Amino acid sequence: MGRRAIKFIIFPVAFLLFFSCGKKMTEREIFDKAQKLQSENKFKKSAKLYEKLLKDYPESKHYPSSLFMLGFLYANNIKDYDKARKYYEEFLKKFPNHELADDVEFELKNLGKPISEIDNLIKENEKNQKNNPLLQLLGASKSVSYTHLRAH
């Protein structure tokens, strides 16, 4: 291959690399890409993007959701329970009153348990709520959680 042909290949490639590397993804682009990768079962790549969002955009409106998703991915898909616990505990420390805080507490209590055991716990909880005189007195449906009642 001649010098001229090599120039036609190298310069366009170098140009593309130079300009594509310089563009910083927005917080929304990172969040959307992480969700897309998650839906494609590319959990480790998804987690890396959520981590990037936390690092690059600590004031992002997507920060709480990204933190939750990191805990969820590490607990339920990647099976790294230490990392899951780290992200869940960070979530509760930073966002104790967030709407996902109850879910995080549930996830922490059941970290590493098989899904069948968790399903049994949920069914037992619903049964207990159905037979709970306090809930009957309040007229609460079986879908009301004890955690929800404690918060009010």
Protein backbone atom coordinates (compact mmCIF):
# COMPACT_ATOMS: atom_id res chain seq x y z
CA MET A 1 0.00 0.00 0.00
CA GLY A 2 1.40 3.40 -0.95
CA ARG A 3 1.99 6.40 1.26
CA ARG A 4 -0.92 8.21 -0.27
CA ALA A 5 -3.36 5.40 0.53
CA ILE A 6 -2.11 5.22 4.10
CA LYS A 7 -2.67 8.97 4.54
CA PHE A 8 -6.27 8.58 3.38
CA ILE A 9 -6.83 5.92 6.02
CA ILE A 10 -4.85 7.33 8.95
CA PHE A 11 -5.99 10.96 8.83
CA PRO A 12 -9.74 10.30 8.86
CA VAL A 13 -9.38 7.72 11.63
CA ALA A 14 -7.20 10.08 13.70
CA PHE A 15 -9.69 12.90 13.10
CA LEU A 16 -12.61 10.79 14.31
CA LEU A 17 -10.75 9.55 17.37
CA PHE A 18 -9.65 13.04 18.33
CA PHE A 19 -13.09 14.61 18.13
CA SER A 20 -15.14 11.70 19.47
CA CYS A 21 -12.98 11.36 22.59
CA GLY A 22 -13.31 15.01 23.48
CA LYS A 23 -17.10 15.01 23.86
CA LYS A 24 -18.26 14.52 27.43
CA MET A 25 -21.54 12.66 27.79
CA THR A 26 -24.31 14.52 29.58
CA GLU A 27 -25.81 13.08 32.75
CA ARG A 28 -28.96 12.19 30.81
CA GLU A 29 -26.95 10.41 28.10
CA ILE A 30 -25.06 8.39 30.70
CA PHE A 31 -28.26 7.47 32.57
CA ASP A 32 -30.10 6.48 29.39
CA LYS A 33 -27.15 4.43 28.13
CA ALA A 34 -26.84 2.65 31.50
CA GLN A 35 -30.54 1.75 31.38
CA LYS A 36 -30.21 0.52 27.80
CA LEU A 37 -27.24 -1.68 28.69
CA GLN A 38 -29.16 -3.01 31.68
CA SER A 39 -32.12 -3.93 29.46
CA GLU A 40 -29.67 -5.79 27.21
CA ASN A 41 -28.39 -7.77 30.24
CA LYS A 42 -24.99 -6.07 30.06
CA PHE A 43 -24.97 -5.54 33.79
CA LYS A 44 -21.29 -4.82 34.42
CA LYS A 45 -21.16 -2.23 31.62
CA SER A 46 -24.36 -0.70 32.94
CA ALA A 47 -22.90 -0.50 36.46
CA LYS A 48 -19.77 1.22 35.12
CA LEU A 49 -21.93 3.94 33.57
CA TYR A 50 -23.97 4.45 36.73
CA GLU A 51 -20.67 4.76 38.61
CA LYS A 52 -19.48 7.30 36.03
CA LEU A 53 -22.64 9.35 36.57
CA LEU A 54 -22.07 9.39 40.34
CA LYS A 55 -18.46 10.49 39.86
CA ASP A 56 -18.99 13.06 37.10
CA TYR A 57 -22.35 14.47 38.20
CA PRO A 58 -22.66 14.34 42.02
CA GLU A 59 -25.50 16.90 41.95
CA SER A 60 -27.48 15.11 39.24
CA LYS A 61 -31.20 14.52 39.61
CA HIS A 62 -30.36 10.95 38.49
CA TYR A 63 -27.94 10.44 41.37
CA PRO A 64 -30.40 8.69 43.76
CA SER A 65 -31.76 6.40 41.05
CA SER A 66 -28.25 5.59 39.84
CA LEU A 67 -27.14 4.77 43.39
CA PHE A 68 -30.17 2.52 43.86
CA MET A 69 -29.59 0.81 40.52
CA LEU A 70 -25.96 0.12 41.42
CA GLY A 71 -27.07 -1.63 44.59
CA PHE A 72 -29.72 -3.52 42.68
CA LEU A 73 -27.40 -4.61 39.85
CA TYR A 74 -24.67 -5.76 42.21
CA ALA A 75 -27.16 -7.61 44.43
CA ASN A 76 -29.43 -9.22 41.87
CA ASN A 77 -27.46 -9.54 38.65
CA ILE A 78 -23.73 -9.33 39.30
CA LYS A 79 -23.99 -11.07 42.72
CA ASP A 80 -21.34 -8.92 44.40
CA TYR A 81 -23.09 -8.48 47.74
CA ASP A 82 -20.34 -6.37 49.32
CA LYS A 83 -20.63 -3.75 46.59
CA ALA A 84 -24.43 -3.95 46.72
CA ARG A 85 -24.37 -3.32 50.47
CA LYS A 86 -21.95 -0.40 49.99
CA TYR A 87 -24.24 1.33 47.47
CA TYR A 88 -27.42 0.61 49.42
CA GLU A 89 -25.93 1.94 52.66
CA GLU A 90 -24.66 5.04 50.85
CA PHE A 91 -28.17 5.52 49.46
CA LEU A 92 -29.75 5.40 52.94
CA LYS A 93 -27.12 7.73 54.35
CA LYS A 94 -27.60 10.34 51.62
CA PHE A 95 -31.32 9.90 50.92
CA PRO A 96 -33.07 8.51 54.04
CA ASN A 97 -36.42 10.04 53.09
CA HIS A 98 -36.35 9.21 49.38
CA GLU A 99 -39.27 7.23 47.96
CA LEU A 100 -36.90 4.30 47.27
CA ALA A 101 -35.55 4.16 50.85
CA ASP A 102 -38.08 1.46 51.90
CA ASP A 103 -37.06 -0.62 48.88
CA VAL A 104 -33.39 -0.22 49.79
CA GLU A 105 -34.08 -1.36 53.36
CA PHE A 106 -35.96 -4.39 52.02
CA GLU A 107 -33.10 -5.19 49.63
CA LEU A 108 -30.54 -4.93 52.45
CA LYS A 109 -32.55 -7.22 54.73
CA ASN A 110 -32.80 -9.82 51.97
CA LEU A 111 -29.37 -9.44 50.40
CA GLY A 112 -28.17 -12.77 49.03
CA LYS A 113 -31.37 -14.64 49.75
CA PRO A 114 -32.86 -16.75 46.95
CA ILE A 115 -35.87 -15.20 45.20
CA SER A 116 -38.12 -18.08 46.36
CA GLU A 117 -37.37 -17.22 50.00
CA ILE A 118 -38.12 -13.54 49.36
CA ASP A 119 -41.40 -14.45 47.65
CA ASN A 120 -42.37 -16.47 50.73
CA LEU A 121 -41.53 -13.51 52.99
CA ILE A 122 -43.72 -11.21 50.89
CA LYS A 123 -46.63 -13.66 50.98
CA GLU A 124 -46.24 -14.09 54.75
CA ASN A 125 -46.15 -10.31 55.19
CA GLU A 126 -49.35 -9.92 53.16
CA LYS A 127 -51.00 -12.67 55.22
CA ASN A 128 -49.94 -10.98 58.48
CA GLN A 129 -51.21 -7.63 57.26
CA LYS A 130 -54.55 -9.16 56.31
CA ASN A 131 -54.95 -10.54 59.84
CA ASN A 132 -53.53 -7.47 61.61
CA PRO A 133 -56.27 -5.83 63.71
CA LEU A 134 -54.60 -2.42 63.51
CA LEU A 135 -54.64 -2.51 59.72
CA GLN A 136 -58.25 -3.71 59.75
CA LEU A 137 -59.17 -0.87 62.10
CA LEU A 138 -57.46 1.64 59.85
CA GLY A 139 -59.14 0.12 56.82
CA ALA A 140 -55.78 -0.40 55.15
CA SER A 141 -55.54 -2.72 52.21
CA LYS A 142 -53.18 -5.70 52.18
CA SER A 143 -50.75 -3.75 50.01
CA VAL A 144 -49.89 -1.27 52.78
CA SER A 145 -46.49 -2.03 54.26
CA TYR A 146 -45.50 -1.79 57.91
CA THR A 147 -42.66 0.48 56.88
CA HIS A 148 -45.17 2.80 55.24
CA LEU A 149 -47.27 2.96 58.40
CA ARG A 150 -44.19 3.66 60.56
CA ALA A 151 -43.33 6.64 58.38
CA HIS A 152 -46.71 8.31 59.02
